[in-house]
């Protein structure tokens, strides 16, 4: 059992225990981070990290990340990632779109809605933009737009 802080980026983990004060634990529970839930740390810096869960995309301090004890989820389970973390040829299903206002509306208008199956077709040399196939057509997204789309990889990917 490791602290979430010690896990590699983009590893799907299962929460085993939360070793934080009662108020923080209660707040995490309201956000859907409880024992047994799956989470992914997508970005890690010296001060904080970005965590994806089924219910939220959260920025957490190093202190909170150190208090969440996890284990790596078995590889046969599907895993949650932001769309910008997928490689060419990977298939996934849209779980949620973060953000608000015009950007979220635009992504949804282009067909990125919950349950939509996507395939990463191509990446530009520097990874921006990302070309995906969904609903029978190709769509190119900027990396910062793709980062707002939470997807679940297909089993076996």
C-alpha atoms as a PDB file:
ATOM      1  CA  UNK A   1       0.000   0.000   0.000  1.00  0.00           C
ATOM      2  CA  UNK A   2       1.440   3.358  -1.107  1.00  0.00           C
ATOM      3  CA  UNK A   3       0.431   6.976  -0.729  1.00  0.00           C
ATOM      4  CA  UNK A   4      -1.200   8.471  -3.822  1.00  0.00           C
ATOM      5  CA  UNK A   5       1.666  10.961  -3.826  1.00  0.00           C
ATOM      6  CA  UNK A   6       4.135   8.116  -4.517  1.00  0.00           C
ATOM      7  CA  UNK A   7       2.282   6.688  -7.535  1.00  0.00           C
ATOM      8  CA  UNK A   8       3.378   7.311 -11.127  1.00  0.00           C
ATOM      9  CA  UNK A   9       1.272   9.663 -13.214  1.00  0.00           C
ATOM     10  CA  UNK A  10      -1.604   8.063 -15.159  1.00  0.00           C
ATOM     11  CA  UNK A  11      -1.758   4.940 -13.022  1.00  0.00           C
ATOM     12  CA  UNK A  12      -5.237   3.799 -12.072  1.00  0.00           C
ATOM     13  CA  UNK A  13      -5.389   3.178  -8.330  1.00  0.00           C
ATOM     14  CA  UNK A  14      -7.917   1.856  -5.855  1.00  0.00           C
ATOM     15  CA  UNK A  15      -8.277   3.732  -2.562  1.00  0.00           C
ATOM     16  CA  UNK A  16      -7.458   1.457   0.381  1.00  0.00           C
ATOM     17  CA  UNK A  17      -7.464   3.921   3.273  1.00  0.00           C
ATOM     18  CA  UNK A  18      -7.666   7.657   3.942  1.00  0.00           C
ATOM     19  CA  UNK A  19      -5.374   8.870   6.724  1.00  0.00           C
ATOM     20  CA  UNK A  20      -6.493  12.479   7.022  1.00  0.00           C
ATOM     21  CA  UNK A  21      -8.464  14.542   9.534  1.00  0.00           C
ATOM     22  CA  UNK A  22     -12.225  14.024   9.784  1.00  0.00           C
ATOM     23  CA  UNK A  23     -13.187  17.216   7.911  1.00  0.00           C
ATOM     24  CA  UNK A  24     -10.929  16.439   4.943  1.00  0.00           C
ATOM     25  CA  UNK A  25     -12.065  12.797   4.879  1.00  0.00           C
ATOM     26  CA  UNK A  26     -15.703  13.912   4.908  1.00  0.00           C
ATOM     27  CA  UNK A  27     -15.053  16.375   2.082  1.00  0.00           C
ATOM     28  CA  UNK A  28     -13.318  13.700  -0.015  1.00  0.00           C
ATOM     29  CA  UNK A  29     -16.266  11.376   0.624  1.00  0.00           C
ATOM     30  CA  UNK A  30     -18.645  14.030  -0.734  1.00  0.00           C
ATOM     31  CA  UNK A  31     -16.461  14.171  -3.861  1.00  0.00           C
ATOM     32  CA  UNK A  32     -16.670  10.397  -4.327  1.00  0.00           C
ATOM     33  CA  UNK A  33     -13.203   9.503  -3.039  1.00  0.00           C
ATOM     34  CA  UNK A  34     -13.859   6.712  -0.558  1.00  0.00           C
ATOM     35  CA  UNK A  35     -12.360   3.345   0.233  1.00  0.00           C
ATOM     36  CA  UNK A  36     -12.610   1.137  -2.854  1.00  0.00           C
ATOM     37  CA  UNK A  37     -13.059   3.931  -5.396  1.00  0.00           C
ATOM     38  CA  UNK A  38     -10.856   4.192  -8.488  1.00  0.00           C
ATOM     39  CA  UNK A  39      -8.780   7.334  -9.007  1.00  0.00           C
ATOM     40  CA  UNK A  40      -5.967   8.458 -11.299  1.00  0.00           C
ATOM     41  CA  UNK A  41      -3.322  11.079 -10.595  1.00  0.00           C
ATOM     42  CA  UNK A  42      -2.816  12.804 -13.949  1.00  0.00           C
ATOM     43  CA  UNK A  43      -0.400  15.597 -13.089  1.00  0.00           C
ATOM     44  CA  UNK A  44       2.042  15.887 -10.205  1.00  0.00           C
ATOM     45  CA  UNK A  45       4.123  18.931  -9.304  1.00  0.00           C
ATOM     46  CA  UNK A  46       6.165  19.911  -6.272  1.00  0.00           C
ATOM     47  CA  UNK A  47       3.168  21.651  -4.674  1.00  0.00           C
ATOM     48  CA  UNK A  48       0.079  19.706  -5.767  1.00  0.00           C
ATOM     49  CA  UNK A  49      -1.460  17.154  -8.091  1.00  0.00           C
ATOM     50  CA  UNK A  50      -4.501  16.745 -10.329  1.00  0.00           C
ATOM     51  CA  UNK A  51      -6.644  13.696  -9.559  1.00  0.00           C
ATOM     52  CA  UNK A  52      -9.419  12.230 -11.711  1.00  0.00           C
ATOM     53  CA  UNK A  53     -12.260  10.301 -10.160  1.00  0.00           C
ATOM     54  CA  UNK A  54     -15.613   9.238 -11.551  1.00  0.00           C
ATOM     55  CA  UNK A  55     -17.193  12.299 -10.007  1.00  0.00           C
ATOM     56  CA  UNK A  56     -14.575  15.030 -10.289  1.00  0.00           C
ATOM     57  CA  UNK A  57     -11.280  16.403 -11.513  1.00  0.00           C
ATOM     58  CA  UNK A  58      -9.592  17.758  -8.413  1.00  0.00           C
ATOM     59  CA  UNK A  59      -6.459  19.668  -7.489  1.00  0.00           C
ATOM     60  CA  UNK A  60      -5.024  18.394  -4.210  1.00  0.00           C
ATOM     61  CA  UNK A  61      -2.124  19.506  -2.059  1.00  0.00           C
ATOM     62  CA  UNK A  62       0.856  17.231  -1.449  1.00  0.00           C
ATOM     63  CA  UNK A  63      -0.335  16.798   2.153  1.00  0.00           C
ATOM     64  CA  UNK A  64      -3.701  15.391   1.050  1.00  0.00           C
ATOM     65  CA  UNK A  65      -2.093  13.197  -1.630  1.00  0.00           C
ATOM     66  CA  UNK A  66       0.217  11.774   1.047  1.00  0.00           C
ATOM     67  CA  UNK A  67      -2.790  10.896   3.237  1.00  0.00           C
ATOM     68  CA  UNK A  68      -4.648   8.859   0.620  1.00  0.00           C
ATOM     69  CA  UNK A  69      -3.348   5.288   0.675  1.00  0.00           C
ATOM     70  CA  UNK A  70      -3.836   3.350  -2.560  1.00  0.00           C
ATOM     71  CA  UNK A  71      -2.855   0.248  -4.456  1.00  0.00           C
ATOM     72  CA  UNK A  72      -2.519  -0.113  -8.202  1.00  0.00           C
ATOM     73  CA  UNK A  73      -5.751  -1.390  -9.745  1.00  0.00           C
ATOM     74  CA  UNK A  74      -5.534  -4.749 -11.549  1.00  0.00           C
ATOM     75  CA  UNK A  75      -4.726  -4.398 -15.239  1.00  0.00           C
ATOM     76  CA  UNK A  76      -7.844  -6.257 -16.364  1.00  0.00           C
ATOM     77  CA  UNK A  77     -10.013  -3.439 -15.031  1.00  0.00           C
ATOM     78  CA  UNK A  78     -10.814  -0.447 -17.190  1.00  0.00           C
ATOM     79  CA  UNK A  79      -9.042   2.729 -16.254  1.00  0.00           C
ATOM     80  CA  UNK A  80      -9.958   6.395 -16.167  1.00  0.00           C
ATOM     81  CA  UNK A  81      -7.820   8.941 -17.986  1.00  0.00           C
ATOM     82  CA  UNK A  82      -8.162  12.311 -19.575  1.00  0.00           C
ATOM     83  CA  UNK A  83      -8.446  12.053 -23.365  1.00  0.00           C
ATOM     84  CA  UNK A  84      -5.085  13.758 -23.900  1.00  0.00           C
ATOM     85  CA  UNK A  85      -3.322  10.812 -22.178  1.00  0.00           C
ATOM     86  CA  UNK A  86      -4.392   8.166 -24.710  1.00  0.00           C
ATOM     87  CA  UNK A  87      -2.023   6.830 -27.382  1.00  0.00           C
ATOM     88  CA  UNK A  88      -2.672   6.296 -31.087  1.00  0.00           C
ATOM     89  CA  UNK A  89      -4.998   3.344 -31.662  1.00  0.00           C
ATOM     90  CA  UNK A  90      -6.520   3.308 -28.173  1.00  0.00           C
ATOM     91  CA  UNK A  91     -10.288   3.083 -27.808  1.00  0.00           C
ATOM     92  CA  UNK A  92     -12.236   4.613 -24.949  1.00  0.00           C
ATOM     93  CA  UNK A  93     -15.679   5.687 -23.841  1.00  0.00           C
ATOM     94  CA  UNK A  94     -16.488   9.226 -22.672  1.00  0.00           C
ATOM     95  CA  UNK A  95     -17.334   9.328 -18.961  1.00  0.00           C
ATOM     96  CA  UNK A  96     -17.564  13.060 -18.326  1.00  0.00           C
ATOM     97  CA  UNK A  97     -16.627  16.496 -19.656  1.00  0.00           C
ATOM     98  CA  UNK A  98     -15.182  19.003 -17.205  1.00  0.00           C
ATOM     99  CA  UNK A  99     -15.139  22.717 -17.557  1.00  0.00           C
ATOM    100  CA  UNK A 100     -18.031  25.045 -17.990  1.00  0.00           C
ATOM    101  CA  UNK A 101     -19.621  27.466 -20.330  1.00  0.00           C
ATOM    102  CA  UNK A 102     -18.793  27.735 -24.005  1.00  0.00           C
ATOM    103  CA  UNK A 103     -15.947  25.190 -24.093  1.00  0.00           C
ATOM    104  CA  UNK A 104     -18.004  22.411 -22.496  1.00  0.00           C
ATOM    105  CA  UNK A 105     -20.993  23.238 -24.708  1.00  0.00           C
ATOM    106  CA  UNK A 106     -18.784  23.206 -27.826  1.00  0.00           C
ATOM    107  CA  UNK A 107     -17.300  19.807 -26.970  1.00  0.00           C
ATOM    108  CA  UNK A 108     -20.763  18.387 -26.382  1.00  0.00           C
ATOM    109  CA  UNK A 109     -22.069  19.920 -29.622  1.00  0.00           C
ATOM    110  CA  UNK A 110     -19.261  18.140 -31.498  1.00  0.00           C
ATOM    111  CA  UNK A 111     -20.563  14.798 -30.208  1.00  0.00           C
ATOM    112  CA  UNK A 112     -18.426  14.242 -27.102  1.00  0.00           C
ATOM    113  CA  UNK A 113     -21.173  13.159 -24.754  1.00  0.00           C
ATOM    114  CA  UNK A 114     -21.315  10.530 -21.994  1.00  0.00           C
ATOM    115  CA  UNK A 115     -21.083   7.007 -23.376  1.00  0.00           C
ATOM    116  CA  UNK A 116     -19.684   7.977 -26.786  1.00  0.00           C
ATOM    117  CA  UNK A 117     -17.024   5.577 -28.049  1.00  0.00           C
ATOM    118  CA  UNK A 118     -13.884   7.174 -29.458  1.00  0.00           C
ATOM    119  CA  UNK A 119     -10.701   6.026 -31.174  1.00  0.00           C
ATOM    120  CA  UNK A 120      -7.463   8.035 -31.134  1.00  0.00           C
ATOM    121  CA  UNK A 121      -6.465   8.184 -34.829  1.00  0.00           C
ATOM    122  CA  UNK A 122      -3.410  10.417 -34.815  1.00  0.00           C
ATOM    123  CA  UNK A 123      -1.311  12.827 -32.795  1.00  0.00           C
ATOM    124  CA  UNK A 124       0.607  15.801 -34.124  1.00  0.00           C
ATOM    125  CA  UNK A 125       4.400  15.535 -33.647  1.00  0.00           C
ATOM    126  CA  UNK A 126       4.283  17.500 -30.395  1.00  0.00           C
ATOM    127  CA  UNK A 127       1.010  15.904 -29.275  1.00  0.00           C
ATOM    128  CA  UNK A 128      -1.174  18.896 -30.108  1.00  0.00           C
ATOM    129  CA  UNK A 129      -3.734  18.575 -31.709  1.00  0.00           C
ATOM    130  CA  UNK A 130      -5.204  15.106 -31.220  1.00  0.00           C
ATOM    131  CA  UNK A 131      -7.283  13.503 -33.979  1.00  0.00           C
ATOM    132  CA  UNK A 132     -10.060  11.176 -32.843  1.00  0.00           C
ATOM    133  CA  UNK A 133     -12.849   9.245 -34.556  1.00  0.00           C
ATOM    134  CA  UNK A 134     -16.316   9.328 -33.020  1.00  0.00           C
ATOM    135  CA  UNK A 135     -19.818   8.828 -34.345  1.00  0.00           C
ATOM    136  CA  UNK A 136     -18.451   8.081 -37.832  1.00  0.00           C
ATOM    137  CA  UNK A 137     -16.338  11.210 -38.336  1.00  0.00           C
ATOM    138  CA  UNK A 138     -12.896  12.576 -37.466  1.00  0.00           C
ATOM    139  CA  UNK A 139     -12.414  15.406 -35.009  1.00  0.00           C
ATOM    140  CA  UNK A 140      -9.268  17.293 -34.036  1.00  0.00           C
ATOM    141  CA  UNK A 141      -8.979  18.713 -30.535  1.00  0.00           C
ATOM    142  CA  UNK A 142      -6.360  20.856 -28.865  1.00  0.00           C
ATOM    143  CA  UNK A 143      -4.565  19.131 -26.009  1.00  0.00           C
ATOM    144  CA  UNK A 144      -6.052  21.514 -23.427  1.00  0.00           C
ATOM    145  CA  UNK A 145      -9.567  20.710 -24.715  1.00  0.00           C
ATOM    146  CA  UNK A 146      -8.868  16.963 -24.674  1.00  0.00           C
ATOM    147  CA  UNK A 147      -7.628  17.256 -21.078  1.00  0.00           C
ATOM    148  CA  UNK A 148     -11.154  18.254 -20.065  1.00  0.00           C
ATOM    149  CA  UNK A 149     -12.653  14.966 -21.306  1.00  0.00           C
ATOM    150  CA  UNK A 150     -12.566  12.053 -18.849  1.00  0.00           C
ATOM    151  CA  UNK A 151     -12.595   8.683 -20.626  1.00  0.00           C
ATOM    152  CA  UNK A 152     -12.573   5.033 -19.621  1.00  0.00           C
ATOM    153  CA  UNK A 153     -10.216   2.851 -21.641  1.00  0.00           C
ATOM    154  CA  UNK A 154     -11.646  -0.294 -23.156  1.00  0.00           C
ATOM    155  CA  UNK A 155     -10.598  -3.557 -21.509  1.00  0.00           C
ATOM    156  CA  UNK A 156      -7.498  -4.961 -23.143  1.00  0.00           C
ATOM    157  CA  UNK A 157      -6.137  -1.604 -24.273  1.00  0.00           C
END
